[in-house]
Amino acid sequence: MRPIKRSAQYEDMVKMLTHQPHAETGKPIFTTIRGLMRFAATLGYDQGSRQPLDDDLKESDGRPFKRHDPTYDLMLLLALAETKSSEFFLTDDEDAIITIFEEYAQSGFEIMQRWIKSRPEDLYGDQAIFNGLSNMGYININASKSLEDAKGDIEF
C-alpha cells in the first residue's frame, strides 16, 4: 500500500494529539496517527466535506492502515459511499480508496483545527474536541453532568 498522506499544515495538531502525553492519563489523546486519521475521516465524511490535500505533505507508512481491519474497512466503506459503486473492488484501485480516505481526513483535520484554535488554553486538545463534538450534536451531555465529569466517559 502506498503511503497515507496528510497536509503538513496540521502537523502541530497531529503531534499534539498523537505524541503529547496528557497530564491525567500519561498517554496522548490518540495513540496512533492511524487512529487520529480514522477519526478525522469519519468526521469529514459525516460533515459531507472532502477536500484535496495541498502540496506540502507528510506521509505515514500505509501498511499499518491496511493491516488494521477496522481502518481498512472504513477506507473501503468511505470509497463505497463516495462512489456509490463497487467497481473499485473489481479493479483493485487502491489509490482511489486511499485518496478518498485522505481527503475526508483533510476535512476532519480542518474542523478539529478550528476546535483547537477556539480553545488556546487547552494544552492537550481533549477539551476542544469534546466541546466540538458536543456543539455539533455528536455527543449529548446529560444536564446533571458537568463537562469535566462527562469527559471521563469518552475515550478516543
N, C-alpha and C. Protein backbone atom coordinates (compact mmCIF):
# COMPACT_ATOMS: atom_id res chain seq x y z
N MET A 1 0.85 -1.18 0.00
CA MET A 1 0.00 0.00 0.00
C MET A 1 0.89 1.23 0.00
N ARG A 2 0.48 2.21 -0.77
CA ARG A 2 1.26 3.45 -0.82
C ARG A 2 1.15 4.20 0.50
N PRO A 3 2.07 5.14 0.73
CA PRO A 3 1.98 5.92 1.97
C PRO A 3 0.65 6.68 2.06
N ILE A 4 0.21 6.89 3.27
CA ILE A 4 -1.00 7.67 3.54
C ILE A 4 -0.54 9.10 3.80
N LYS A 5 -1.14 10.04 3.08
CA LYS A 5 -0.68 11.43 3.13
C LYS A 5 -1.65 12.30 3.92
N ARG A 6 -1.08 13.37 4.45
CA ARG A 6 -1.87 14.39 5.14
C ARG A 6 -1.16 15.72 4.93
N SER A 7 -1.90 16.80 4.98
CA SER A 7 -1.31 18.12 4.79
C SER A 7 -0.44 18.50 5.98
N ALA A 8 0.72 19.02 5.67
CA ALA A 8 1.68 19.42 6.72
C ALA A 8 1.15 20.57 7.57
N GLN A 9 0.19 21.32 7.06
CA GLN A 9 -0.33 22.46 7.82
C GLN A 9 -0.96 22.03 9.15
N TYR A 10 -1.32 20.77 9.27
CA TYR A 10 -1.92 20.27 10.51
C TYR A 10 -0.94 19.50 11.38
N GLU A 11 0.33 19.54 11.03
CA GLU A 11 1.30 18.69 11.72
C GLU A 11 1.46 19.03 13.21
N ASP A 12 1.39 20.29 13.58
CA ASP A 12 1.46 20.64 15.00
C ASP A 12 0.31 20.01 15.77
N MET A 13 -0.88 20.05 15.19
CA MET A 13 -2.04 19.45 15.83
C MET A 13 -1.87 17.92 15.89
N VAL A 14 -1.39 17.32 14.81
CA VAL A 14 -1.19 15.87 14.78
C VAL A 14 -0.21 15.47 15.88
N LYS A 15 0.88 16.18 16.00
CA LYS A 15 1.87 15.86 17.04
C LYS A 15 1.28 16.03 18.44
N MET A 16 0.52 17.12 18.65
CA MET A 16 -0.08 17.35 19.96
C MET A 16 -1.01 16.19 20.32
N LEU A 17 -1.81 15.75 19.37
CA LEU A 17 -2.82 14.74 19.67
C LEU A 17 -2.28 13.31 19.69
N THR A 18 -1.13 13.07 19.04
CA THR A 18 -0.61 11.70 18.96
C THR A 18 0.70 11.48 19.71
N HIS A 19 1.35 12.54 20.14
CA HIS A 19 2.64 12.37 20.81
C HIS A 19 2.69 12.94 22.22
N GLN A 20 1.92 13.97 22.47
CA GLN A 20 1.99 14.66 23.77
C GLN A 20 1.19 13.90 24.83
N PRO A 21 1.87 13.37 25.85
CA PRO A 21 1.14 12.67 26.91
C PRO A 21 0.23 13.63 27.69
N HIS A 22 -0.99 13.22 27.91
CA HIS A 22 -1.94 14.01 28.68
C HIS A 22 -1.56 13.93 30.15
N ALA A 23 -1.72 15.01 30.87
CA ALA A 23 -1.33 15.07 32.28
C ALA A 23 -2.09 14.06 33.13
N GLU A 24 -3.35 13.79 32.80
CA GLU A 24 -4.16 12.89 33.61
C GLU A 24 -3.92 11.42 33.30
N THR A 25 -3.69 11.09 32.04
CA THR A 25 -3.58 9.68 31.66
C THR A 25 -2.15 9.23 31.37
N GLY A 26 -1.28 10.19 31.08
CA GLY A 26 0.09 9.85 30.71
C GLY A 26 0.21 9.35 29.28
N LYS A 27 -0.92 9.34 28.54
CA LYS A 27 -0.93 8.89 27.14
C LYS A 27 -1.48 10.01 26.27
N PRO A 28 -1.08 10.04 25.01
CA PRO A 28 -1.67 11.03 24.12
C PRO A 28 -3.16 10.74 23.89
N ILE A 29 -3.89 11.72 23.40
CA ILE A 29 -5.32 11.57 23.14
C ILE A 29 -5.55 10.43 22.14
N PHE A 30 -4.78 10.42 21.05
CA PHE A 30 -4.82 9.34 20.07
C PHE A 30 -3.46 8.64 20.14
N THR A 31 -3.47 7.34 20.26
CA THR A 31 -2.20 6.63 20.42
C THR A 31 -1.49 6.39 19.09
N THR A 32 -2.21 6.58 17.96
CA THR A 32 -1.59 6.41 16.65
C THR A 32 -2.10 7.47 15.69
N ILE A 33 -1.29 7.79 14.70
CA ILE A 33 -1.73 8.68 13.63
C ILE A 33 -2.86 8.00 12.86
N ARG A 34 -2.79 6.70 12.74
CA ARG A 34 -3.84 5.94 12.07
C ARG A 34 -5.19 6.18 12.76
N GLY A 35 -5.22 6.11 14.07
CA GLY A 35 -6.46 6.35 14.82
C GLY A 35 -6.96 7.78 14.66
N LEU A 36 -6.05 8.73 14.70
CA LEU A 36 -6.42 10.13 14.51
C LEU A 36 -7.00 10.34 13.11
N MET A 37 -6.36 9.76 12.09
CA MET A 37 -6.85 9.93 10.73
C MET A 37 -8.20 9.24 10.54
N ARG A 38 -8.38 8.13 11.19
CA ARG A 38 -9.67 7.43 11.12
C ARG A 38 -10.77 8.31 11.71
N PHE A 39 -10.49 8.92 12.84
CA PHE A 39 -11.44 9.84 13.48
C PHE A 39 -11.72 11.03 12.57
N ALA A 40 -10.66 11.63 12.03
CA ALA A 40 -10.81 12.80 11.17
C ALA A 40 -11.58 12.47 9.89
N ALA A 41 -11.30 11.32 9.29
CA ALA A 41 -12.00 10.94 8.06
C ALA A 41 -13.49 10.71 8.34
N THR A 42 -13.80 10.11 9.45
CA THR A 42 -15.20 9.89 9.82
C THR A 42 -15.91 11.22 10.04
N LEU A 43 -15.24 12.13 10.72
CA LEU A 43 -15.79 13.46 10.95
C LEU A 43 -16.01 14.19 9.62
N GLY A 44 -15.03 14.15 8.74
CA GLY A 44 -15.16 14.79 7.44
C GLY A 44 -16.31 14.20 6.64
N TYR A 45 -16.41 12.87 6.65
CA TYR A 45 -17.49 12.22 5.91
C TYR A 45 -18.84 12.63 6.47
N ASP A 46 -18.97 12.60 7.78
CA ASP A 46 -20.25 12.93 8.39
C ASP A 46 -20.67 14.36 8.06
N GLN A 47 -19.71 15.23 7.92
CA GLN A 47 -20.00 16.62 7.56
C GLN A 47 -20.18 16.80 6.06
N GLY A 48 -19.99 15.73 5.31
CA GLY A 48 -20.16 15.80 3.86
C GLY A 48 -19.11 16.65 3.18
N SER A 49 -17.93 16.64 3.76
CA SER A 49 -16.87 17.51 3.25
C SER A 49 -15.61 16.70 2.94
N ARG A 50 -15.21 16.80 1.72
CA ARG A 50 -13.99 16.12 1.24
C ARG A 50 -13.13 17.17 0.56
N GLN A 51 -11.89 17.31 1.02
CA GLN A 51 -11.01 18.36 0.50
C GLN A 51 -9.71 17.77 -0.01
N PRO A 52 -9.25 18.25 -1.16
CA PRO A 52 -7.96 17.78 -1.65
C PRO A 52 -6.83 18.26 -0.74
N LEU A 53 -5.76 17.49 -0.70
CA LEU A 53 -4.60 17.86 0.09
C LEU A 53 -3.82 18.94 -0.65
N ASP A 54 -3.09 19.74 0.10
CA ASP A 54 -2.25 20.74 -0.54
C ASP A 54 -0.93 20.09 -0.95
N ASP A 55 0.02 20.90 -1.40
CA ASP A 55 1.28 20.36 -1.92
C ASP A 55 2.30 20.01 -0.84
N ASP A 56 2.18 20.62 0.32
CA ASP A 56 3.12 20.36 1.42
C ASP A 56 2.56 19.21 2.25
N LEU A 57 3.16 18.03 2.10
CA LEU A 57 2.58 16.81 2.68
C LEU A 57 3.50 16.12 3.68
N LYS A 58 2.87 15.41 4.58
CA LYS A 58 3.53 14.47 5.47
C LYS A 58 2.99 13.09 5.10
N GLU A 59 3.78 12.07 5.31
CA GLU A 59 3.36 10.72 4.95
C GLU A 59 3.51 9.77 6.12
N SER A 60 2.63 8.79 6.14
CA SER A 60 2.71 7.68 7.08
C SER A 60 2.75 6.39 6.28
N ASP A 61 3.47 5.43 6.77
CA ASP A 61 3.53 4.12 6.13
C ASP A 61 2.11 3.57 5.97
N GLY A 62 1.75 3.15 4.79
CA GLY A 62 0.41 2.66 4.52
C GLY A 62 0.13 1.27 5.07
N ARG A 63 1.18 0.49 5.32
CA ARG A 63 0.97 -0.89 5.76
C ARG A 63 0.17 -1.02 7.06
N PRO A 64 0.43 -0.20 8.09
CA PRO A 64 -0.39 -0.33 9.30
C PRO A 64 -1.86 0.03 9.07
N PHE A 65 -2.14 0.86 8.09
CA PHE A 65 -3.52 1.21 7.77
C PHE A 65 -4.22 0.00 7.13
N LYS A 66 -3.53 -0.66 6.22
CA LYS A 66 -4.13 -1.80 5.53
C LYS A 66 -4.24 -3.02 6.45
N ARG A 67 -3.27 -3.21 7.32
CA ARG A 67 -3.27 -4.39 8.20
C ARG A 67 -4.28 -4.28 9.34
N HIS A 68 -4.70 -3.07 9.64
CA HIS A 68 -5.66 -2.86 10.73
C HIS A 68 -7.07 -2.92 10.14
N ASP A 69 -7.74 -4.05 10.36
CA ASP A 69 -9.03 -4.29 9.71
C ASP A 69 -10.04 -3.16 9.90
N PRO A 70 -10.22 -2.63 11.12
CA PRO A 70 -11.21 -1.54 11.25
C PRO A 70 -10.87 -0.32 10.38
N THR A 71 -9.59 -0.02 10.26
CA THR A 71 -9.20 1.13 9.44
C THR A 71 -9.40 0.84 7.97
N TYR A 72 -8.93 -0.31 7.51
CA TYR A 72 -9.08 -0.62 6.10
C TYR A 72 -10.56 -0.79 5.73
N ASP A 73 -11.34 -1.36 6.62
CA ASP A 73 -12.78 -1.47 6.37
C ASP A 73 -13.41 -0.08 6.23
N LEU A 74 -13.00 0.85 7.10
CA LEU A 74 -13.51 2.22 6.99
C LEU A 74 -13.11 2.84 5.66
N MET A 75 -11.88 2.62 5.23
CA MET A 75 -11.43 3.16 3.96
C MET A 75 -12.30 2.62 2.82
N LEU A 76 -12.59 1.33 2.85
CA LEU A 76 -13.42 0.73 1.81
C LEU A 76 -14.85 1.26 1.87
N LEU A 77 -15.39 1.40 3.07
CA LEU A 77 -16.75 1.91 3.21
C LEU A 77 -16.87 3.36 2.73
N LEU A 78 -15.86 4.18 3.04
CA LEU A 78 -15.88 5.56 2.57
C LEU A 78 -15.84 5.62 1.04
N ALA A 79 -15.02 4.77 0.45
CA ALA A 79 -14.94 4.73 -1.02
C ALA A 79 -16.26 4.26 -1.62
N LEU A 80 -16.86 3.26 -1.01
CA LEU A 80 -18.14 2.75 -1.48
C LEU A 80 -19.23 3.83 -1.36
N ALA A 81 -19.26 4.51 -0.23
CA ALA A 81 -20.26 5.56 -0.01
C ALA A 81 -20.04 6.74 -0.96
N GLU A 82 -18.80 7.07 -1.20
CA GLU A 82 -18.47 8.20 -2.07
C GLU A 82 -18.79 7.91 -3.53
N THR A 83 -18.40 6.75 -3.99
CA THR A 83 -18.57 6.43 -5.41
C THR A 83 -19.92 5.78 -5.71
N LYS A 84 -20.56 5.26 -4.67
CA LYS A 84 -21.82 4.53 -4.83
C LYS A 84 -21.68 3.43 -5.88
N SER A 85 -20.50 2.84 -5.89
CA SER A 85 -20.20 1.77 -6.85
C SER A 85 -19.19 0.83 -6.22
N SER A 86 -19.34 -0.43 -6.55
CA SER A 86 -18.38 -1.42 -6.05
C SER A 86 -17.29 -1.71 -7.09
N GLU A 87 -17.22 -0.92 -8.15
CA GLU A 87 -16.25 -1.15 -9.22
C GLU A 87 -14.80 -1.18 -8.71
N PHE A 88 -14.50 -0.33 -7.75
CA PHE A 88 -13.12 -0.28 -7.26
C PHE A 88 -12.71 -1.60 -6.61
N PHE A 89 -13.69 -2.39 -6.13
CA PHE A 89 -13.36 -3.72 -5.60
C PHE A 89 -12.86 -4.62 -6.72
N LEU A 90 -13.43 -4.47 -7.89
CA LEU A 90 -13.07 -5.30 -9.03
C LEU A 90 -11.77 -4.85 -9.68
N THR A 91 -11.53 -3.56 -9.69
CA THR A 91 -10.34 -3.02 -10.35
C THR A 91 -9.15 -2.94 -9.41
N ASP A 92 -9.40 -3.13 -8.13
CA ASP A 92 -8.33 -3.03 -7.13
C ASP A 92 -7.66 -1.66 -7.18
N ASP A 93 -8.49 -0.62 -7.30
CA ASP A 93 -7.98 0.75 -7.39
C ASP A 93 -7.69 1.29 -6.00
N GLU A 94 -6.63 0.77 -5.42
CA GLU A 94 -6.26 1.14 -4.06
C GLU A 94 -5.95 2.62 -3.92
N ASP A 95 -5.37 3.22 -4.95
CA ASP A 95 -5.03 4.64 -4.89
C ASP A 95 -6.29 5.49 -4.72
N ALA A 96 -7.36 5.15 -5.42
CA ALA A 96 -8.62 5.90 -5.30
C ALA A 96 -9.19 5.74 -3.89
N ILE A 97 -9.11 4.54 -3.35
CA ILE A 97 -9.61 4.28 -1.99
C ILE A 97 -8.85 5.13 -0.98
N ILE A 98 -7.55 5.15 -1.11
CA ILE A 98 -6.71 5.92 -0.19
C ILE A 98 -6.97 7.41 -0.34
N THR A 99 -7.08 7.89 -1.57
CA THR A 99 -7.30 9.31 -1.81
C THR A 99 -8.60 9.78 -1.17
N ILE A 100 -9.66 9.00 -1.30
CA ILE A 100 -10.94 9.35 -0.67
C ILE A 100 -10.77 9.44 0.84
N PHE A 101 -10.10 8.47 1.43
CA PHE A 101 -9.84 8.49 2.87
C PHE A 101 -9.04 9.73 3.27
N GLU A 102 -7.98 10.02 2.54
CA GLU A 102 -7.12 11.18 2.84
C GLU A 102 -7.90 12.49 2.75
N GLU A 103 -8.75 12.60 1.76
CA GLU A 103 -9.48 13.85 1.55
C GLU A 103 -10.58 14.05 2.60
N TYR A 104 -11.21 12.99 3.05
CA TYR A 104 -12.15 13.13 4.16
C TYR A 104 -11.39 13.46 5.45
N ALA A 105 -10.23 12.85 5.65
CA ALA A 105 -9.41 13.17 6.83
C ALA A 105 -8.97 14.63 6.78
N GLN A 106 -8.62 15.12 5.60
CA GLN A 106 -8.22 16.52 5.44
C GLN A 106 -9.33 17.45 5.96
N SER A 107 -10.54 17.15 5.58
CA SER A 107 -11.67 17.95 6.02
C SER A 107 -11.86 17.85 7.54
N GLY A 108 -11.74 16.63 8.05
CA GLY A 108 -11.85 16.44 9.50
C GLY A 108 -10.76 17.17 10.26
N PHE A 109 -9.54 17.18 9.71
CA PHE A 109 -8.45 17.93 10.35
C PHE A 109 -8.78 19.42 10.41
N GLU A 110 -9.37 19.93 9.34
CA GLU A 110 -9.72 21.36 9.33
C GLU A 110 -10.73 21.68 10.42
N ILE A 111 -11.72 20.82 10.57
CA ILE A 111 -12.73 21.01 11.63
C ILE A 111 -12.07 20.96 13.00
N MET A 112 -11.24 19.95 13.22
CA MET A 112 -10.57 19.80 14.52
C MET A 112 -9.65 20.98 14.81
N GLN A 113 -8.97 21.47 13.79
CA GLN A 113 -8.08 22.62 13.96
C GLN A 113 -8.87 23.84 14.44
N ARG A 114 -10.06 24.05 13.88
CA ARG A 114 -10.91 25.16 14.33
C ARG A 114 -11.28 24.99 15.80
N TRP A 115 -11.64 23.75 16.17
CA TRP A 115 -12.00 23.49 17.56
C TRP A 115 -10.82 23.82 18.48
N ILE A 116 -9.64 23.37 18.11
CA ILE A 116 -8.46 23.56 18.95
C ILE A 116 -8.08 25.03 19.03
N LYS A 117 -8.15 25.74 17.92
CA LYS A 117 -7.83 27.17 17.92
C LYS A 117 -8.81 27.97 18.76
N SER A 118 -10.02 27.48 18.89
CA SER A 118 -11.02 28.20 19.69
C SER A 118 -10.79 28.02 21.19
N ARG A 119 -9.91 27.10 21.55
CA ARG A 119 -9.61 26.85 22.96
C ARG A 119 -8.10 26.85 23.19
N PRO A 120 -7.44 27.99 23.05
CA PRO A 120 -5.98 28.02 23.16
C PRO A 120 -5.46 27.61 24.55
N GLU A 121 -6.31 27.67 25.55
CA GLU A 121 -5.89 27.26 26.90
C GLU A 121 -5.83 25.75 27.06
N ASP A 122 -6.39 25.02 26.11
CA ASP A 122 -6.43 23.56 26.15
C ASP A 122 -5.09 23.01 25.64
N LEU A 123 -4.25 22.58 26.54
CA LEU A 123 -2.90 22.16 26.18
C LEU A 123 -2.84 20.79 25.49
N TYR A 124 -3.90 20.01 25.61
CA TYR A 124 -3.87 18.64 25.09
C TYR A 124 -4.85 18.40 23.94
N GLY A 125 -5.80 19.28 23.76
CA GLY A 125 -6.77 19.16 22.68
C GLY A 125 -8.01 18.38 23.04
N ASP A 126 -8.02 17.71 24.18
CA ASP A 126 -9.18 16.89 24.54
C ASP A 126 -10.42 17.73 24.82
N GLN A 127 -10.25 18.84 25.53
CA GLN A 127 -11.40 19.70 25.83
C GLN A 127 -11.97 20.29 24.55
N ALA A 128 -11.10 20.71 23.65
CA ALA A 128 -11.55 21.31 22.39
C ALA A 128 -12.33 20.29 21.56
N ILE A 129 -11.82 19.06 21.48
CA ILE A 129 -12.50 18.02 20.72
C ILE A 129 -13.83 17.66 21.38
N PHE A 130 -13.80 17.52 22.67
CA PHE A 130 -15.02 17.19 23.41
C PHE A 130 -16.07 18.27 23.19
N ASN A 131 -15.68 19.53 23.33
CA ASN A 131 -16.64 20.63 23.13
C ASN A 131 -17.12 20.69 21.68
N GLY A 132 -16.22 20.46 20.74
CA GLY A 132 -16.62 20.45 19.34
C GLY A 132 -17.64 19.37 19.04
N LEU A 133 -17.39 18.18 19.56
CA LEU A 133 -18.33 17.07 19.37
C LEU A 133 -19.68 17.38 20.01
N SER A 134 -19.64 18.00 21.17
CA SER A 134 -20.87 18.36 21.86
C SER A 134 -21.62 19.45 21.10
N ASN A 135 -20.91 20.49 20.67
CA ASN A 135 -21.55 21.59 19.94
C ASN A 135 -22.15 21.15 18.62
N MET A 136 -21.57 20.14 18.00
CA MET A 136 -22.09 19.66 16.72
C MET A 136 -23.16 18.59 16.91
N GLY A 137 -23.47 18.26 18.15
CA GLY A 137 -24.53 17.30 18.43
C GLY A 137 -24.12 15.85 18.32
N TYR A 138 -22.82 15.58 18.26
CA TYR A 138 -22.36 14.19 18.18
C TYR A 138 -22.46 13.48 19.52
N ILE A 139 -22.30 14.23 20.58
CA ILE A 139 -22.46 13.67 21.91
C ILE A 139 -23.42 14.55 22.68
N ASN A 140 -24.14 13.95 23.58
CA ASN A 140 -25.12 14.68 24.36
C ASN A 140 -24.68 14.63 25.81
N ILE A 141 -24.48 15.78 26.37
CA ILE A 141 -24.08 15.85 27.77
C ILE A 141 -25.34 15.93 28.61
N ASN A 142 -25.49 14.98 29.49
CA ASN A 142 -26.61 14.98 30.41
C ASN A 142 -26.53 16.24 31.26
N ALA A 143 -27.65 16.91 31.44
CA ALA A 143 -27.67 18.17 32.17
C ALA A 143 -27.16 18.01 33.60
N SER A 144 -27.26 16.82 34.15
CA SER A 144 -26.81 16.61 35.53
C SER A 144 -25.30 16.40 35.62
N LYS A 145 -24.65 16.24 34.47
CA LYS A 145 -23.21 16.02 34.47
C LYS A 145 -22.49 17.29 34.02
N SER A 146 -21.40 17.56 34.66
CA SER A 146 -20.59 18.67 34.19
C SER A 146 -19.76 18.19 33.01
N LEU A 147 -19.22 19.12 32.26
CA LEU A 147 -18.36 18.78 31.13
C LEU A 147 -17.18 17.95 31.62
N GLU A 148 -16.60 18.31 32.73
CA GLU A 148 -15.45 17.58 33.27
C GLU A 148 -15.81 16.15 33.61
N ASP A 149 -16.98 15.96 34.24
CA ASP A 149 -17.41 14.61 34.61
C ASP A 149 -17.68 13.75 33.38
N ALA A 150 -18.29 14.33 32.37
CA ALA A 150 -18.65 13.59 31.17
C ALA A 150 -17.41 13.19 30.37
N LYS A 151 -16.32 13.95 30.45
CA LYS A 151 -15.11 13.63 29.71
C LYS A 151 -14.59 12.24 30.04
N GLY A 152 -14.79 11.81 31.27
CA GLY A 152 -14.32 10.50 31.68
C GLY A 152 -15.02 9.35 30.99
N ASP A 153 -16.17 9.63 30.40
CA ASP A 153 -16.93 8.58 29.72
C ASP A 153 -16.49 8.37 28.28
N ILE A 154 -15.62 9.21 27.77
CA ILE A 154 -15.23 9.15 26.37
C ILE A 154 -13.76 8.82 26.26
N GLU A 155 -13.47 7.90 25.38
CA GLU A 155 -12.09 7.52 25.10
C GLU A 155 -11.88 7.59 23.59
N PHE A 156 -10.80 8.23 23.17
CA PHE A 156 -10.53 8.37 21.73
C PHE A 156 -9.66 7.23 21.27
